Amino acid sequence: MADKVAATMGSWKFIIIQSATLAVWIVLNVTAWFQHWDPYPFILLNLALSFQAAYAAPFIMMSQNRQAAIDRRDAKIDYDVNIKAELEIELLHEKIDKMREDEISRLLNLVEELSRKLAEIAVTRS
């Protein structure tokens, strides 16, 4: 409900309707077309606007508090996802490091074998 009130009061439609209502109120009370129910300095209008502000502020605050709670929850979810991604990246790094070590070990064995074969060939040619 607080979100609806805050969204409504924060819309251009509301601002335009309220501005038009205030303009009509003032014009009708300044001109002599009707009986002046709220003559200048518009005490009744001031009371109505104060009443509106007194109720609007808590609704807006409740809406902001709710949005802050949603933002905190979303930030926590993002944090958890980032931690999980970091752990998975660390595992991938470990796997890549292991693959490199295995490849280097295999290549060293091949180099040793080739060196041995070259040495055998050199011995047989001499």
N, C-alpha and C. Protein backbone atom coordinates (compact mmCIF):
# COMPACT_ATOMS: atom_id res chain seq x y z
N MET A 1 0.83 -1.19 0.00
CA MET A 1 0.00 0.00 0.00
C MET A 1 0.88 1.25 0.00
N ALA A 2 1.92 1.24 0.82
CA ALA A 2 2.80 2.41 0.89
C ALA A 2 3.47 2.66 -0.45
N ASP A 3 3.83 1.56 -1.14
CA ASP A 3 4.46 1.72 -2.46
C ASP A 3 3.48 2.34 -3.45
N LYS A 4 2.21 1.92 -3.36
CA LYS A 4 1.20 2.48 -4.27
C LYS A 4 1.01 3.97 -4.02
N VAL A 5 0.92 4.34 -2.75
CA VAL A 5 0.74 5.76 -2.40
C VAL A 5 1.94 6.57 -2.86
N ALA A 6 3.14 6.06 -2.60
CA ALA A 6 4.35 6.79 -3.01
C ALA A 6 4.44 6.89 -4.52
N ALA A 7 4.09 5.81 -5.21
CA ALA A 7 4.13 5.83 -6.68
C ALA A 7 3.09 6.80 -7.24
N THR A 8 1.91 6.82 -6.64
CA THR A 8 0.86 7.72 -7.11
C THR A 8 1.24 9.17 -6.86
N MET A 9 1.71 9.46 -5.65
CA MET A 9 2.05 10.85 -5.33
C MET A 9 3.30 11.32 -6.07
N GLY A 10 4.10 10.40 -6.54
CA GLY A 10 5.29 10.76 -7.28
C GLY A 10 5.10 10.77 -8.78
N SER A 11 3.85 10.72 -9.23
CA SER A 11 3.59 10.69 -10.67
C SER A 11 3.22 12.07 -11.20
N TRP A 12 3.47 12.25 -12.49
CA TRP A 12 3.10 13.52 -13.13
C TRP A 12 1.59 13.73 -13.09
N LYS A 13 0.84 12.64 -13.23
CA LYS A 13 -0.62 12.74 -13.20
C LYS A 13 -1.08 13.37 -11.88
N PHE A 14 -0.52 12.89 -10.77
CA PHE A 14 -0.90 13.43 -9.47
C PHE A 14 -0.51 14.90 -9.35
N ILE A 15 0.70 15.23 -9.78
CA ILE A 15 1.16 16.62 -9.68
C ILE A 15 0.27 17.55 -10.50
N ILE A 16 -0.09 17.12 -11.70
CA ILE A 16 -0.95 17.95 -12.56
C ILE A 16 -2.33 18.09 -11.95
N ILE A 17 -2.91 16.99 -11.48
CA ILE A 17 -4.25 17.06 -10.87
C ILE A 17 -4.23 17.92 -9.62
N GLN A 18 -3.22 17.75 -8.77
CA GLN A 18 -3.14 18.55 -7.56
C GLN A 18 -2.94 20.03 -7.90
N SER A 19 -2.09 20.32 -8.87
CA SER A 19 -1.87 21.72 -9.26
C SER A 19 -3.15 22.34 -9.79
N ALA A 20 -3.88 21.59 -10.61
CA ALA A 20 -5.15 22.10 -11.15
C ALA A 20 -6.16 22.31 -10.02
N THR A 21 -6.22 21.38 -9.09
CA THR A 21 -7.14 21.51 -7.95
C THR A 21 -6.80 22.74 -7.12
N LEU A 22 -5.52 22.94 -6.84
CA LEU A 22 -5.10 24.12 -6.07
C LEU A 22 -5.42 25.41 -6.81
N ALA A 23 -5.20 25.41 -8.12
CA ALA A 23 -5.49 26.61 -8.91
C ALA A 23 -6.98 26.91 -8.89
N VAL A 24 -7.81 25.88 -9.08
CA VAL A 24 -9.27 26.08 -9.04
C VAL A 24 -9.69 26.56 -7.66
N TRP A 25 -9.18 25.95 -6.62
CA TRP A 25 -9.50 26.33 -5.23
C TRP A 25 -9.22 27.81 -5.02
N ILE A 26 -8.01 28.23 -5.40
CA ILE A 26 -7.61 29.63 -5.18
C ILE A 26 -8.45 30.58 -6.01
N VAL A 27 -8.66 30.24 -7.29
CA VAL A 27 -9.44 31.12 -8.18
C VAL A 27 -10.86 31.26 -7.66
N LEU A 28 -11.49 30.16 -7.26
CA LEU A 28 -12.87 30.22 -6.77
C LEU A 28 -12.98 31.02 -5.47
N ASN A 29 -11.94 30.99 -4.66
CA ASN A 29 -11.99 31.73 -3.40
C ASN A 29 -11.54 33.18 -3.54
N VAL A 30 -10.84 33.51 -4.60
CA VAL A 30 -10.41 34.89 -4.82
C VAL A 30 -11.49 35.67 -5.57
N THR A 31 -12.10 35.02 -6.56
CA THR A 31 -13.14 35.69 -7.35
C THR A 31 -14.46 35.64 -6.60
N ALA A 32 -15.41 36.38 -7.09
CA ALA A 32 -16.72 36.46 -6.42
C ALA A 32 -17.76 35.56 -7.08
N TRP A 33 -17.33 34.55 -7.82
CA TRP A 33 -18.29 33.70 -8.51
C TRP A 33 -19.12 32.86 -7.55
N PHE A 34 -18.53 32.39 -6.49
CA PHE A 34 -19.23 31.60 -5.49
C PHE A 34 -18.96 32.20 -4.12
N GLN A 35 -19.67 31.64 -3.14
CA GLN A 35 -19.41 32.08 -1.77
C GLN A 35 -18.00 31.65 -1.38
N HIS A 36 -17.25 32.52 -0.76
CA HIS A 36 -15.87 32.24 -0.37
C HIS A 36 -15.88 31.33 0.86
N TRP A 37 -15.59 30.03 0.67
CA TRP A 37 -15.56 29.11 1.80
C TRP A 37 -14.18 29.07 2.46
N ASP A 38 -13.17 29.60 1.75
CA ASP A 38 -11.81 29.64 2.30
C ASP A 38 -11.11 30.90 1.78
N PRO A 39 -11.47 32.05 2.35
CA PRO A 39 -10.89 33.30 1.83
C PRO A 39 -9.39 33.39 2.13
N TYR A 40 -8.73 34.28 1.40
CA TYR A 40 -7.31 34.53 1.61
C TYR A 40 -7.06 34.77 3.08
N PRO A 41 -6.12 34.16 3.70
CA PRO A 41 -4.91 33.44 3.30
C PRO A 41 -5.08 31.93 3.17
N PHE A 42 -6.27 31.45 2.85
CA PHE A 42 -6.55 30.05 2.53
C PHE A 42 -6.15 29.10 3.67
N ILE A 43 -6.69 29.34 4.84
CA ILE A 43 -6.38 28.52 6.02
C ILE A 43 -6.84 27.07 5.82
N LEU A 44 -8.03 26.88 5.24
CA LEU A 44 -8.54 25.52 5.02
C LEU A 44 -7.65 24.77 4.01
N LEU A 45 -7.22 25.47 2.96
CA LEU A 45 -6.32 24.86 1.98
C LEU A 45 -5.00 24.48 2.65
N ASN A 46 -4.48 25.36 3.48
CA ASN A 46 -3.25 25.08 4.21
C ASN A 46 -3.42 23.85 5.11
N LEU A 47 -4.57 23.76 5.78
CA LEU A 47 -4.85 22.61 6.63
C LEU A 47 -4.91 21.32 5.81
N ALA A 48 -5.58 21.38 4.65
CA ALA A 48 -5.70 20.19 3.79
C ALA A 48 -4.32 19.75 3.29
N LEU A 49 -3.50 20.70 2.87
CA LEU A 49 -2.16 20.36 2.37
C LEU A 49 -1.27 19.83 3.51
N SER A 50 -1.41 20.39 4.70
CA SER A 50 -0.65 19.90 5.85
C SER A 50 -1.07 18.48 6.19
N PHE A 51 -2.38 18.22 6.14
CA PHE A 51 -2.91 16.89 6.39
C PHE A 51 -2.34 15.90 5.37
N GLN A 52 -2.35 16.31 4.11
CA GLN A 52 -1.82 15.45 3.04
C GLN A 52 -0.33 15.18 3.28
N ALA A 53 0.44 16.19 3.61
CA ALA A 53 1.87 16.02 3.84
C ALA A 53 2.13 15.13 5.06
N ALA A 54 1.30 15.30 6.10
CA ALA A 54 1.48 14.51 7.32
C ALA A 54 1.28 13.02 7.06
N TYR A 55 0.37 12.68 6.15
CA TYR A 55 0.15 11.28 5.82
C TYR A 55 1.06 10.80 4.71
N ALA A 56 1.45 11.68 3.80
CA ALA A 56 2.30 11.27 2.68
C ALA A 56 3.71 10.91 3.14
N ALA A 57 4.25 11.69 4.06
CA ALA A 57 5.64 11.46 4.49
C ALA A 57 5.84 10.06 5.07
N PRO A 58 4.99 9.59 6.00
CA PRO A 58 5.19 8.22 6.51
C PRO A 58 5.04 7.15 5.43
N PHE A 59 4.09 7.35 4.50
CA PHE A 59 3.94 6.38 3.41
C PHE A 59 5.20 6.32 2.56
N ILE A 60 5.75 7.49 2.26
CA ILE A 60 6.97 7.54 1.46
C ILE A 60 8.13 6.90 2.22
N MET A 61 8.23 7.17 3.52
CA MET A 61 9.29 6.57 4.33
C MET A 61 9.14 5.04 4.38
N MET A 62 7.91 4.55 4.55
CA MET A 62 7.69 3.11 4.57
C MET A 62 8.09 2.49 3.23
N SER A 63 7.75 3.15 2.15
CA SER A 63 8.11 2.66 0.82
C SER A 63 9.63 2.64 0.65
N GLN A 64 10.30 3.68 1.12
CA GLN A 64 11.76 3.72 1.02
C GLN A 64 12.40 2.64 1.89
N ASN A 65 11.87 2.41 3.07
CA ASN A 65 12.39 1.36 3.95
C ASN A 65 12.23 -0.01 3.30
N ARG A 66 11.06 -0.23 2.70
CA ARG A 66 10.81 -1.50 2.03
C ARG A 66 11.77 -1.68 0.86
N GLN A 67 11.97 -0.62 0.09
CA GLN A 67 12.89 -0.69 -1.04
C GLN A 67 14.32 -0.93 -0.57
N ALA A 68 14.69 -0.31 0.54
CA ALA A 68 16.03 -0.52 1.10
C ALA A 68 16.21 -1.99 1.51
N ALA A 69 15.17 -2.58 2.10
CA ALA A 69 15.25 -3.99 2.48
C ALA A 69 15.40 -4.88 1.24
N ILE A 70 14.66 -4.55 0.19
CA ILE A 70 14.77 -5.30 -1.06
C ILE A 70 16.18 -5.15 -1.63
N ASP A 71 16.71 -3.94 -1.60
CA ASP A 71 18.06 -3.69 -2.12
C ASP A 71 19.11 -4.47 -1.32
N ARG A 72 18.94 -4.51 0.01
CA ARG A 72 19.87 -5.28 0.85
C ARG A 72 19.80 -6.77 0.52
N ARG A 73 18.59 -7.28 0.35
CA ARG A 73 18.42 -8.69 -0.01
C ARG A 73 19.08 -8.98 -1.36
N ASP A 74 18.85 -8.11 -2.35
CA ASP A 74 19.45 -8.30 -3.67
C ASP A 74 20.98 -8.22 -3.60
N ALA A 75 21.49 -7.31 -2.78
CA ALA A 75 22.95 -7.20 -2.63
C ALA A 75 23.51 -8.47 -2.00
N LYS A 76 22.80 -9.05 -1.03
CA LYS A 76 23.23 -10.29 -0.38
C LYS A 76 23.25 -11.43 -1.40
N ILE A 77 22.22 -11.49 -2.23
CA ILE A 77 22.17 -12.52 -3.27
C ILE A 77 23.33 -12.35 -4.24
N ASP A 78 23.57 -11.11 -4.66
CA ASP A 78 24.70 -10.83 -5.56
C ASP A 78 26.02 -11.23 -4.92
N TYR A 79 26.17 -10.92 -3.64
CA TYR A 79 27.40 -11.27 -2.92
C TYR A 79 27.59 -12.79 -2.90
N ASP A 80 26.51 -13.52 -2.58
CA ASP A 80 26.59 -14.98 -2.54
C ASP A 80 26.96 -15.55 -3.91
N VAL A 81 26.35 -15.01 -4.96
CA VAL A 81 26.66 -15.47 -6.32
C VAL A 81 28.13 -15.19 -6.65
N ASN A 82 28.60 -14.00 -6.28
CA ASN A 82 29.99 -13.65 -6.55
C ASN A 82 30.97 -14.55 -5.79
N ILE A 83 30.64 -14.89 -4.55
CA ILE A 83 31.50 -15.80 -3.77
C ILE A 83 31.54 -17.17 -4.43
N LYS A 84 30.37 -17.66 -4.85
CA LYS A 84 30.32 -18.96 -5.51
C LYS A 84 31.12 -18.93 -6.81
N ALA A 85 30.98 -17.86 -7.58
CA ALA A 85 31.74 -17.74 -8.83
C ALA A 85 33.24 -17.70 -8.55
N GLU A 86 33.63 -16.99 -7.50
CA GLU A 86 35.05 -16.92 -7.14
C GLU A 86 35.59 -18.30 -6.79
N LEU A 87 34.83 -19.07 -6.04
CA LEU A 87 35.27 -20.43 -5.68
C LEU A 87 35.39 -21.31 -6.92
N GLU A 88 34.44 -21.18 -7.83
CA GLU A 88 34.50 -21.97 -9.06
C GLU A 88 35.70 -21.56 -9.91
N ILE A 89 36.00 -20.28 -9.95
CA ILE A 89 37.18 -19.81 -10.70
C ILE A 89 38.45 -20.34 -10.07
N GLU A 90 38.51 -20.36 -8.74
CA GLU A 90 39.68 -20.93 -8.06
C GLU A 90 39.85 -22.40 -8.41
N LEU A 91 38.74 -23.14 -8.45
CA LEU A 91 38.82 -24.56 -8.83
C LEU A 91 39.32 -24.71 -10.27
N LEU A 92 38.83 -23.85 -11.15
CA LEU A 92 39.30 -23.90 -12.54
C LEU A 92 40.79 -23.60 -12.63
N HIS A 93 41.25 -22.63 -11.86
CA HIS A 93 42.68 -22.32 -11.83
C HIS A 93 43.48 -23.54 -11.36
N GLU A 94 43.00 -24.20 -10.33
CA GLU A 94 43.68 -25.39 -9.82
C GLU A 94 43.73 -26.48 -10.89
N LYS A 95 42.61 -26.68 -11.60
CA LYS A 95 42.57 -27.69 -12.66
C LYS A 95 43.55 -27.34 -13.78
N ILE A 96 43.57 -26.08 -14.16
CA ILE A 96 44.48 -25.64 -15.22
C ILE A 96 45.93 -25.82 -14.77
N ASP A 97 46.22 -25.44 -13.53
CA ASP A 97 47.58 -25.63 -13.00
C ASP A 97 47.97 -27.10 -13.01
N LYS A 98 47.06 -27.98 -12.62
CA LYS A 98 47.32 -29.42 -12.61
C LYS A 98 47.56 -29.91 -14.03
N MET A 99 46.75 -29.43 -14.98
CA MET A 99 46.93 -29.84 -16.38
C MET A 99 48.29 -29.37 -16.90
N ARG A 100 48.70 -28.18 -16.55
CA ARG A 100 50.01 -27.66 -16.97
C ARG A 100 51.14 -28.50 -16.37
N GLU A 101 51.01 -28.81 -15.09
CA GLU A 101 52.04 -29.63 -14.44
C GLU A 101 52.15 -30.99 -15.13
N ASP A 102 50.99 -31.59 -15.42
CA ASP A 102 50.99 -32.90 -16.10
C ASP A 102 51.62 -32.78 -17.49
N GLU A 103 51.27 -31.71 -18.20
CA GLU A 103 51.82 -31.52 -19.55
C GLU A 103 53.33 -31.30 -19.50
N ILE A 104 53.78 -30.48 -18.56
CA ILE A 104 55.22 -30.23 -18.42
C ILE A 104 55.95 -31.53 -18.06
N SER A 105 55.37 -32.30 -17.16
CA SER A 105 55.97 -33.58 -16.76
C SER A 105 56.05 -34.52 -17.97
N ARG A 106 54.98 -34.58 -18.75
CA ARG A 106 54.95 -35.43 -19.93
C ARG A 106 56.00 -34.97 -20.96
N LEU A 107 56.08 -33.65 -21.16
CA LEU A 107 57.06 -33.11 -22.10
C LEU A 107 58.49 -33.38 -21.63
N LEU A 108 58.74 -33.25 -20.33
CA LEU A 108 60.07 -33.55 -19.80
C LEU A 108 60.44 -35.02 -20.02
N ASN A 109 59.47 -35.89 -19.82
CA ASN A 109 59.71 -37.32 -20.07
C ASN A 109 60.03 -37.56 -21.54
N LEU A 110 59.29 -36.89 -22.43
CA LEU A 110 59.56 -37.04 -23.86
C LEU A 110 60.94 -36.50 -24.22
N VAL A 111 61.32 -35.37 -23.63
CA VAL A 111 62.65 -34.80 -23.89
C VAL A 111 63.74 -35.76 -23.41
N GLU A 112 63.55 -36.34 -22.22
CA GLU A 112 64.52 -37.30 -21.69
C GLU A 112 64.62 -38.52 -22.61
N GLU A 113 63.46 -39.01 -23.07
CA GLU A 113 63.45 -40.17 -23.95
C GLU A 113 64.15 -39.85 -25.28
N LEU A 114 63.85 -38.66 -25.83
CA LEU A 114 64.50 -38.27 -27.08
C LEU A 114 66.00 -38.08 -26.88
N SER A 115 66.39 -37.51 -25.75
CA SER A 115 67.83 -37.34 -25.46
C SER A 115 68.51 -38.69 -25.36
N ARG A 116 67.86 -39.63 -24.71
CA ARG A 116 68.41 -40.98 -24.58
C ARG A 116 68.55 -41.63 -25.96
N LYS A 117 67.52 -41.50 -26.80
CA LYS A 117 67.57 -42.08 -28.14
C LYS A 117 68.67 -41.42 -28.97
N LEU A 118 68.80 -40.09 -28.84
CA LEU A 118 69.86 -39.39 -29.57
C LEU A 118 71.23 -39.87 -29.10
N ALA A 119 71.36 -40.09 -27.81
CA ALA A 119 72.63 -40.59 -27.26
C ALA A 119 72.92 -41.99 -27.80
N GLU A 120 71.90 -42.84 -27.89
CA GLU A 120 72.06 -44.19 -28.42
C GLU A 120 72.47 -44.14 -29.89
N ILE A 121 71.84 -43.24 -30.63
CA ILE A 121 72.17 -43.09 -32.06
C ILE A 121 73.61 -42.62 -32.20
N ALA A 122 74.01 -41.68 -31.37
CA ALA A 122 75.38 -41.16 -31.43
C ALA A 122 76.38 -42.26 -31.10
N VAL A 123 76.06 -43.15 -30.14
CA VAL A 123 76.95 -44.23 -29.73
C VAL A 123 77.05 -45.25 -30.87
N THR A 124 75.94 -45.58 -31.50
CA THR A 124 75.95 -46.57 -32.57
C THR A 124 76.66 -46.06 -33.81
N ARG A 125 76.71 -44.78 -34.05
CA ARG A 125 77.39 -44.20 -35.20
C ARG A 125 78.89 -44.09 -34.95
N SER A 126 79.29 -44.07 -33.76
CA SER A 126 80.72 -43.90 -33.47
C SER A 126 81.49 -45.17 -33.59
